[in-house]
């Protein structure tokens, strides 16, 4: 099924390439869209949790807008399951039937749409509304294509940390790792203390892929993966080789749970929150859980450390993975005065309403409301977000082509399990990326 799914994606990419420059989309320049507002149903193709803060905020804003514009309604087409969503998204894109709003990362496939003229220029939109400077640069940079083009709106802002249990660290007699190699070294004592060193959602595969991105980011900076995906760099070079060897060492040191490949997202989180695992790498989207009421095993014991460094690092300590979630694009084919007016209203209302829920806005013009009952950890994270560096470790699953990414994830699991060597992993992934870099 996976091979069929990515073969379909490849065929769609070829179809988009063939259409590039022909059958152009609608108006990509928002300044040229003027006229009377005629209320109608507006659709948004989503890939977000239906009960999440983003959708809840958007629904609230849309309801208010509808009161002022009778006849307007917002149809949220929600598909939280990412593989299913991507298949639906790519099918609609190839058929030129994307709705008014649609969620996408800055992937090679999305770039084909941009080149075909199917996406409204978001940077031009924000500039025309005098809102561009309100956004955190890292939030916008996460949405940009490699050439700097900004065609997706961010609705989130999250940093990824290594959360750890201070009681378990003290019990095992270990300290917070200063380097990535130190992270390997703490696993033995933690396991000897009777706990899982690192909780890991292996089932979804992207969390382990995060680990693979760390060594290259520290050694070569954020441009390495951009060069890698285009075949301008090889994963067999030092940054990639160091990463593969490190993943193998993590596996050999017993850092991950036994049978981690079948451990799901909730299972991994529960291992940590119930005191059965000492470390849990995840984003601040889990802060409401980690800074809220916890079981006795972890109550008052949760802290975090940021991405450890390496010898010869070219990035600073306060540079690490910062994401603004999957972006939202505006279809140029349906971008009319109504959509322009509605998205303007959304952008004006969203930051304050989202921050009022204790979430971090992608803008700097609002203050986040601390949730009632949140621990001091919450305040510490808020302060951390005001001290971020200028570079971010881009998640590789949003950068590599689908075929290469799928193969890399499959082989990466085998590497961490010790079923293949670092050299075997590098050879397989290098060949796959070279075949699909175009």
Protein backbone atom coordinates (compact mmCIF):
# COMPACT_ATOMS: atom_id res chain seq x y z
CA UNK A 1 0.00 0.00 0.00
CA UNK A 2 2.80 2.44 0.87
CA UNK A 3 4.57 1.83 -2.44
CA UNK A 4 1.28 2.38 -4.30
CA UNK A 5 0.60 5.56 -2.38
CA UNK A 6 3.99 7.11 -3.15
CA UNK A 7 3.88 5.92 -6.74
CA UNK A 8 0.63 7.86 -7.02
CA UNK A 9 2.31 10.91 -5.50
CA UNK A 10 5.16 10.64 -8.00
CA UNK A 11 2.70 10.43 -10.87
CA UNK A 12 0.91 13.49 -9.58
CA UNK A 13 4.18 15.39 -9.31
CA UNK A 14 4.91 14.55 -12.93
CA UNK A 15 1.45 15.74 -13.90
CA UNK A 16 2.03 19.01 -12.11
CA UNK A 17 5.41 19.39 -13.79
CA UNK A 18 3.79 18.91 -17.17
CA UNK A 19 1.24 21.59 -16.33
CA UNK A 20 3.80 24.04 -14.99
CA UNK A 21 3.50 27.24 -16.95
CA UNK A 22 0.32 26.05 -18.62
CA UNK A 23 -3.24 26.14 -17.34
CA UNK A 24 -2.15 28.84 -14.90
CA UNK A 25 -4.05 29.31 -11.67
CA UNK A 26 -5.88 32.43 -10.59
CA UNK A 27 -4.61 35.69 -9.11
CA UNK A 28 -1.53 35.24 -6.91
CA UNK A 29 -1.20 38.97 -6.15
CA UNK A 30 -3.73 39.83 -3.41
CA UNK A 31 -3.57 43.56 -4.17
CA UNK A 32 -5.26 42.92 -7.51
CA UNK A 33 -8.34 41.32 -5.95
CA UNK A 34 -10.98 43.99 -5.40
CA UNK A 35 -14.75 44.33 -5.65
CA UNK A 36 -17.91 43.67 -3.69
CA UNK A 37 -18.08 40.92 -1.09
CA UNK A 38 -20.61 38.25 -1.99
CA UNK A 39 -21.11 35.80 0.92
CA UNK A 40 -20.95 32.08 0.12
CA UNK A 41 -19.59 28.87 1.58
CA UNK A 42 -15.82 28.89 1.94
CA UNK A 43 -13.99 25.57 2.28
CA UNK A 44 -10.79 24.72 4.13
CA UNK A 45 -8.96 21.42 3.64
CA UNK A 46 -7.39 20.68 7.03
CA UNK A 47 -4.86 18.28 8.48
CA UNK A 48 -5.17 19.12 12.17
CA UNK A 49 -6.77 17.54 15.24
CA UNK A 50 -10.49 18.28 15.13
CA UNK A 51 -10.49 19.14 18.85
CA UNK A 52 -7.29 21.20 18.69
CA UNK A 53 -6.86 24.86 19.60
CA UNK A 54 -6.31 26.00 15.99
CA UNK A 55 -9.61 24.65 14.67
CA UNK A 56 -11.50 25.77 17.79
CA UNK A 57 -10.21 29.32 17.33
CA UNK A 58 -10.95 29.38 13.60
CA UNK A 59 -14.49 28.09 14.15
CA UNK A 60 -15.13 30.80 16.73
CA UNK A 61 -13.86 33.51 14.39
CA UNK A 62 -15.86 32.15 11.44
CA UNK A 63 -19.06 32.16 13.51
CA UNK A 64 -18.56 35.84 14.35
CA UNK A 65 -17.82 36.67 10.72
CA UNK A 66 -20.98 34.85 9.61
CA UNK A 67 -23.10 37.02 11.91
CA UNK A 68 -21.85 40.10 10.10
CA UNK A 69 -22.06 38.49 6.65
CA UNK A 70 -25.32 36.54 6.26
CA UNK A 71 -24.90 33.76 3.73
CA UNK A 72 -21.28 33.09 4.69
CA UNK A 73 -20.28 29.72 6.12
CA UNK A 74 -16.99 27.90 6.65
CA UNK A 75 -16.80 24.25 5.66
CA UNK A 76 -13.90 22.56 7.45
CA UNK A 77 -12.85 19.40 5.59
CA UNK A 78 -10.87 17.67 8.33
CA UNK A 79 -8.62 14.65 7.80
CA UNK A 80 -6.28 14.35 10.84
CA UNK A 81 -4.66 11.15 9.51
CA UNK A 82 -1.68 12.55 7.61
CA UNK A 83 -1.25 9.85 4.90
CA UNK A 84 -4.95 10.00 4.05
CA UNK A 85 -4.85 13.77 4.04
CA UNK A 86 -1.88 13.90 1.68
CA UNK A 87 -3.56 11.56 -0.76
CA UNK A 88 -6.72 13.69 -0.76
CA UNK A 89 -4.69 16.91 -1.06
CA UNK A 90 -2.60 15.65 -3.97
CA UNK A 91 -5.62 14.26 -5.80
CA UNK A 92 -7.49 17.55 -5.57
CA UNK A 93 -4.38 19.52 -6.53
CA UNK A 94 -3.78 17.47 -9.65
CA UNK A 95 -7.42 17.89 -10.67
CA UNK A 96 -7.30 21.67 -10.06
CA UNK A 97 -10.02 21.31 -7.42
CA UNK A 98 -8.33 22.57 -4.28
CA UNK A 99 -10.67 24.51 -1.98
CA UNK A 100 -10.26 28.13 -0.88
CA UNK A 101 -7.85 27.23 1.94
CA UNK A 102 -5.66 24.13 2.17
CA UNK A 103 -3.00 22.92 4.59
CA UNK A 104 0.48 22.02 3.36
CA UNK A 105 4.13 22.12 4.35
CA UNK A 106 6.70 23.74 2.09
CA UNK A 107 7.30 20.43 0.32
CA UNK A 108 8.54 19.84 -3.24
CA UNK A 109 4.96 18.96 -4.20
CA UNK A 110 3.62 22.24 -2.79
CA UNK A 111 6.35 24.10 -4.64
CA UNK A 112 5.00 22.66 -7.89
CA UNK A 113 1.65 24.21 -7.04
CA UNK A 114 3.30 27.51 -6.28
CA UNK A 115 5.17 27.45 -9.59
CA UNK A 116 1.94 26.62 -11.39
CA UNK A 117 0.37 29.76 -9.97
CA UNK A 118 -2.11 28.02 -7.67
CA UNK A 119 -1.16 29.80 -4.44
CA UNK A 120 -1.66 33.39 -3.28
CA UNK A 121 1.50 35.26 -2.27
CA UNK A 122 1.17 35.32 1.53
CA UNK A 123 4.09 37.68 2.07
CA UNK A 124 2.46 40.22 -0.24
CA UNK A 125 -0.82 39.74 1.63
CA UNK A 126 0.74 40.36 5.04
CA UNK A 127 2.64 43.38 3.72
CA UNK A 128 -0.55 44.87 2.25
CA UNK A 129 -2.26 44.46 5.64
CA UNK A 130 0.75 45.94 7.47
CA UNK A 131 1.03 42.71 9.50
CA UNK A 132 4.30 41.22 8.28
CA UNK A 133 6.38 42.67 11.12
CA UNK A 134 3.94 41.28 13.70
CA UNK A 135 5.07 37.72 12.96
CA UNK A 136 7.97 35.94 14.56
CA UNK A 137 10.64 35.52 11.86
CA UNK A 138 11.12 31.85 12.76
CA UNK A 139 7.38 31.23 12.37
CA UNK A 140 7.44 32.64 8.84
CA UNK A 141 10.78 31.05 7.91
CA UNK A 142 9.40 27.61 8.72
CA UNK A 143 6.75 28.15 6.01
CA UNK A 144 9.10 29.47 3.31
CA UNK A 145 10.23 27.60 0.23
CA UNK A 146 13.96 27.25 -0.38
CA UNK A 147 14.08 30.46 -2.43
CA UNK A 148 12.45 32.41 0.41
CA UNK A 149 8.97 32.54 -1.12
CA UNK A 150 6.23 32.73 1.51
CA UNK A 151 2.94 31.18 0.38
CA UNK A 152 1.63 29.60 3.60
CA UNK A 153 0.24 31.22 6.73
CA UNK A 154 1.39 29.94 10.14
CA UNK A 155 -1.18 29.43 12.89
CA UNK A 156 1.08 27.92 15.54
CA UNK A 157 4.46 28.48 17.16
CA UNK A 158 6.16 25.66 19.01
CA UNK A 159 9.66 24.78 20.13
CA UNK A 160 10.82 21.20 20.61
CA UNK A 161 12.61 20.28 23.84
CA UNK A 162 13.93 17.23 25.65
CA UNK A 163 11.68 16.95 28.69
CA UNK A 164 13.17 14.97 31.56
CA UNK A 165 12.28 13.66 34.99
CA UNK A 166 14.59 15.25 37.57
CA UNK A 167 13.82 12.55 40.16
CA UNK A 168 14.86 9.77 37.79
CA UNK A 169 18.02 11.63 36.77
CA UNK A 170 18.94 12.02 40.44
CA UNK A 171 18.19 8.36 41.13
CA UNK A 172 20.44 7.26 38.26
CA UNK A 173 23.17 9.75 39.20
CA UNK A 174 23.27 11.42 35.77
CA UNK A 175 23.31 15.04 34.69
CA UNK A 176 21.67 16.88 31.82
CA UNK A 177 23.54 15.99 28.60
CA UNK A 178 25.65 18.85 27.27
CA UNK A 179 26.39 17.09 23.97
CA UNK A 180 24.56 14.61 21.78
CA UNK A 181 27.16 12.00 22.69
CA UNK A 182 26.40 12.63 26.37
CA UNK A 183 22.81 11.65 25.61
CA UNK A 184 24.04 8.17 24.68
CA UNK A 185 26.08 7.97 27.88
CA UNK A 186 23.15 8.61 30.25
CA UNK A 187 21.12 5.72 28.86
CA UNK A 188 23.03 2.94 30.62
CA UNK A 189 22.69 4.38 34.14
CA UNK A 190 19.04 5.23 33.57
CA UNK A 191 18.25 1.72 32.39
CA UNK A 192 20.18 0.31 35.35
CA UNK A 193 17.95 2.45 37.57
CA UNK A 194 14.96 0.53 36.19
CA UNK A 195 13.46 3.05 33.76
CA UNK A 196 13.27 3.51 30.00
CA UNK A 197 15.89 6.14 29.14
CA UNK A 198 14.00 7.80 26.24
CA UNK A 199 10.29 7.48 25.46
CA UNK A 200 9.81 7.31 21.68
CA UNK A 201 6.81 7.18 19.39
CA UNK A 202 8.31 4.76 16.87
CA UNK A 203 5.04 3.93 15.19
CA UNK A 204 4.71 7.31 13.49
CA UNK A 205 8.40 7.32 12.49
CA UNK A 206 8.83 11.10 12.31
CA UNK A 207 9.99 11.37 15.96
CA UNK A 208 12.99 9.14 15.27
CA UNK A 209 13.67 11.11 12.10
CA UNK A 210 13.94 14.21 14.29
CA UNK A 211 16.90 12.55 16.02
CA UNK A 212 18.58 11.93 12.67
CA UNK A 213 18.40 15.65 11.87
CA UNK A 214 20.23 16.80 14.98
CA UNK A 215 23.87 15.93 14.23
CA UNK A 216 23.75 17.42 10.68
CA UNK A 217 22.10 20.60 12.00
CA UNK A 218 24.79 21.08 14.62
CA UNK A 219 27.68 20.19 12.27
CA UNK A 220 26.54 21.80 9.00
CA UNK A 221 23.61 24.10 9.79
CA UNK A 222 20.10 24.27 8.32
CA UNK A 223 21.18 24.29 4.67
CA UNK A 224 22.47 20.72 4.76
CA UNK A 225 19.07 19.05 4.32
CA UNK A 226 18.14 21.52 1.56
CA UNK A 227 21.25 20.48 -0.37
CA UNK A 228 20.70 16.83 0.49
CA UNK A 229 17.18 16.65 -0.93
CA UNK A 230 18.35 18.16 -4.24
CA UNK A 231 21.29 15.79 -4.56
CA UNK A 232 23.79 18.61 -3.99
CA UNK A 233 25.03 16.92 -0.82
CA UNK A 234 25.33 13.26 0.12
CA UNK A 235 24.19 11.65 3.33
CA UNK A 236 27.44 9.67 3.23
CA UNK A 237 29.36 12.88 3.98
CA UNK A 238 30.42 13.69 7.53
CA UNK A 239 27.18 15.29 8.83
CA UNK A 240 25.04 12.38 7.62
CA UNK A 241 27.57 9.75 8.61
CA UNK A 242 27.85 11.17 12.13
CA UNK A 243 24.06 11.14 12.41
CA UNK A 244 23.73 7.51 11.30
CA UNK A 245 26.46 6.35 13.65
CA UNK A 246 24.84 8.25 16.52
CA UNK A 247 21.43 6.68 15.91
CA UNK A 248 23.07 3.25 15.87
CA UNK A 249 24.81 4.06 19.17
CA UNK A 250 21.54 5.20 20.76
CA UNK A 251 20.01 1.89 19.80
CA UNK A 252 22.94 -0.18 21.03
CA UNK A 253 22.95 1.69 24.35
CA UNK A 254 19.32 0.70 24.92
CA UNK A 255 18.11 4.30 24.90
CA UNK A 256 14.73 3.51 23.38
CA UNK A 257 12.01 1.17 24.70
CA UNK A 258 12.05 -2.44 23.61
CA UNK A 259 9.69 -2.81 20.66
CA UNK A 260 9.63 0.96 20.15
CA UNK A 261 8.59 0.57 16.51
CA UNK A 262 5.09 -0.39 17.66
CA UNK A 263 4.86 2.29 20.37
CA UNK A 264 2.32 5.00 19.47
CA UNK A 265 2.21 8.69 20.29
CA UNK A 266 0.00 8.41 23.36
CA UNK A 267 1.91 5.39 24.64
CA UNK A 268 5.22 7.27 24.46
CA UNK A 269 3.79 10.27 26.27
CA UNK A 270 2.27 8.06 28.96
CA UNK A 271 5.59 6.30 29.54
CA UNK A 272 7.06 9.66 30.47
CA UNK A 273 4.18 11.18 32.41
CA UNK A 274 3.81 8.06 34.59
CA UNK A 275 7.49 8.03 35.51
CA UNK A 276 8.44 4.95 33.49
CA UNK A 277 10.70 6.88 31.10
CA UNK A 278 13.24 9.55 31.97
CA UNK A 279 13.35 11.61 28.75
CA UNK A 280 10.72 12.57 26.20
CA UNK A 281 11.48 14.67 23.12
CA UNK A 282 8.39 16.57 21.97
CA UNK A 283 7.16 20.06 21.20
CA UNK A 284 5.53 22.65 23.42
CA UNK A 285 2.16 21.59 22.04
CA UNK A 286 2.31 19.07 24.89
CA UNK A 287 2.98 21.78 27.48
CA UNK A 288 -0.63 21.79 28.76
CA UNK A 289 -0.03 18.16 29.79
CA UNK A 290 3.53 18.53 31.03
CA UNK A 291 2.93 21.74 33.00
CA UNK A 292 -0.48 20.64 34.26
CA UNK A 293 -1.56 18.15 36.93
CA UNK A 294 0.54 14.99 36.66
CA UNK A 295 0.67 11.59 38.38
CA UNK A 296 2.63 11.44 41.66
CA UNK A 297 5.59 9.81 39.88
CA UNK A 298 6.25 12.97 37.86
CA UNK A 299 4.47 15.74 39.79
CA UNK A 300 6.98 18.56 40.32
CA UNK A 301 9.77 16.62 38.60
CA UNK A 302 9.40 17.68 34.95
CA UNK A 303 12.02 19.99 33.48
CA UNK A 304 13.59 20.31 30.03
CA UNK A 305 16.86 20.81 28.23
CA UNK A 306 17.32 22.10 24.72
CA UNK A 307 19.08 20.36 21.84
CA UNK A 308 22.59 19.37 23.02
CA UNK A 309 25.54 20.52 20.96
CA UNK A 310 28.50 18.67 19.36
CA UNK A 311 32.20 19.35 18.99
CA UNK A 312 32.69 21.72 16.07
CA UNK A 313 29.08 22.92 16.04
CA UNK A 314 28.25 25.75 13.61
CA UNK A 315 24.90 26.55 15.25
CA UNK A 316 24.37 28.20 18.62
CA UNK A 317 22.97 26.54 21.73
CA UNK A 318 19.68 28.43 21.35
CA UNK A 319 19.23 27.19 17.79
CA UNK A 320 17.11 24.05 17.63
CA UNK A 321 13.83 22.77 16.18
CA UNK A 322 11.19 25.49 16.12
CA UNK A 323 8.06 24.89 14.07
CA UNK A 324 4.93 26.85 13.20
CA UNK A 325 2.92 23.79 12.28
CA UNK A 326 1.58 22.81 8.92
CA UNK A 327 0.92 25.99 6.96
CA UNK A 328 -2.27 27.15 5.28
CA UNK A 329 -2.26 28.24 1.66
CA UNK A 330 -4.88 30.26 -0.21
CA UNK A 331 -6.02 28.96 -3.57
CA UNK A 332 -5.46 31.60 -6.23
CA UNK A 333 -8.21 30.01 -8.31
CA UNK A 334 -10.92 30.95 -5.77
CA UNK A 335 -9.32 33.99 -4.13
CA UNK A 336 -12.07 36.58 -4.44
CA UNK A 337 -13.09 39.67 -2.37
CA UNK A 338 -14.93 37.44 0.13
CA UNK A 339 -11.94 35.17 0.80
CA UNK A 340 -9.65 38.19 1.03
CA UNK A 341 -11.94 39.91 3.52
CA UNK A 342 -12.45 36.75 5.59
CA UNK A 343 -8.75 35.92 5.81
CA UNK A 344 -8.05 39.53 6.80
CA UNK A 345 -10.59 39.20 9.62
CA UNK A 346 -9.03 35.90 10.69
CA UNK A 347 -5.52 37.37 10.81
CA UNK A 348 -6.75 40.30 12.89
CA UNK A 349 -8.67 38.21 15.40
CA UNK A 350 -6.66 34.99 15.60
CA UNK A 351 -3.54 35.91 17.66
CA UNK A 352 -5.36 37.24 20.73
CA UNK A 353 -8.00 34.51 20.76
CA UNK A 354 -5.44 31.74 20.28
CA UNK A 355 -3.12 33.13 22.98
CA UNK A 356 -6.06 33.38 25.38
CA UNK A 357 -6.17 29.56 25.32
CA UNK A 358 -2.65 29.38 26.70
CA UNK A 359 -1.16 28.70 23.27
CA UNK A 360 1.79 30.46 21.64
CA UNK A 361 0.85 32.75 18.78
CA UNK A 362 3.06 32.98 15.68
CA UNK A 363 2.94 36.73 16.24
CA UNK A 364 4.62 38.86 18.90
CA UNK A 365 1.81 41.37 19.39
CA UNK A 366 -0.11 39.36 22.00
CA UNK A 367 0.67 37.91 25.41
CA UNK A 368 -0.06 34.27 26.12
CA UNK A 369 -2.50 33.63 28.95
CA UNK A 370 -1.09 31.23 31.50
CA UNK A 371 -3.56 28.37 32.02
CA UNK A 372 -5.06 28.10 35.47
CA UNK A 373 -3.16 25.58 37.55
CA UNK A 374 -0.10 25.50 35.28
CA UNK A 375 3.20 24.84 37.04
CA UNK A 376 6.24 27.19 37.04
CA UNK A 377 7.49 25.13 34.11
CA UNK A 378 5.04 27.06 31.95
CA UNK A 379 6.66 30.40 32.82
CA UNK A 380 10.09 28.96 32.11
CA UNK A 381 9.05 27.90 28.62
CA UNK A 382 7.51 31.31 27.90
CA UNK A 383 10.82 32.95 28.78
CA UNK A 384 12.69 30.43 26.62
CA UNK A 385 10.63 31.35 23.55
CA UNK A 386 11.81 34.94 23.91
CA UNK A 387 15.44 33.83 23.73
CA UNK A 388 15.49 31.76 20.54
CA UNK A 389 18.33 31.87 18.03
CA UNK A 390 18.12 32.74 14.36
CA UNK A 391 18.33 29.20 12.91
CA UNK A 392 15.98 26.25 13.14
CA UNK A 393 16.55 22.55 12.61
CA UNK A 394 14.00 21.81 9.90
CA UNK A 395 12.22 18.47 10.25
CA UNK A 396 13.48 16.23 7.46
CA UNK A 397 10.05 14.72 6.79
CA UNK A 398 8.90 18.12 5.48
CA UNK A 399 11.96 18.47 3.24
CA UNK A 400 12.70 15.18 1.50
CA UNK A 401 10.68 13.90 -1.43
CA UNK A 402 8.00 11.36 -0.39
CA UNK A 403 9.76 8.28 -1.79
CA UNK A 404 13.11 9.09 -0.17
CA UNK A 405 11.47 10.01 3.11
CA UNK A 406 9.49 6.77 3.31
CA UNK A 407 12.56 4.64 2.60
CA UNK A 408 14.68 6.63 5.04
CA UNK A 409 12.15 6.14 7.83
CA UNK A 410 11.94 2.42 7.21
CA UNK A 411 15.71 1.96 7.23
CA UNK A 412 16.13 4.31 10.19
CA UNK A 413 14.01 2.06 12.37
CA UNK A 414 16.14 -0.92 11.37
CA UNK A 415 19.27 1.10 12.14
CA UNK A 416 18.10 2.00 15.65
CA UNK A 417 17.13 -1.64 16.23
CA UNK A 418 20.61 -2.75 15.20
CA UNK A 419 19.31 -4.81 12.29
CA UNK A 420 21.47 -2.90 9.79
CA UNK A 421 24.75 -1.03 10.22
CA UNK A 422 25.30 2.69 9.78
CA UNK A 423 27.17 1.97 6.55
CA UNK A 424 24.29 -0.07 5.15
CA UNK A 425 21.82 2.64 6.10
CA UNK A 426 23.90 5.36 4.42
CA UNK A 427 24.31 3.39 1.22
CA UNK A 428 20.61 2.61 0.86
CA UNK A 429 19.41 6.15 1.66
CA UNK A 430 22.06 7.78 -0.52
CA UNK A 431 21.02 5.72 -3.54
CA UNK A 432 17.33 6.43 -2.90
CA UNK A 433 17.79 10.19 -2.63
CA UNK A 434 19.94 10.28 -5.78
CA UNK A 435 17.23 8.44 -7.69
CA UNK A 436 14.51 10.85 -6.57
CA UNK A 437 16.31 14.20 -6.12
CA UNK A 438 14.91 15.59 -9.34
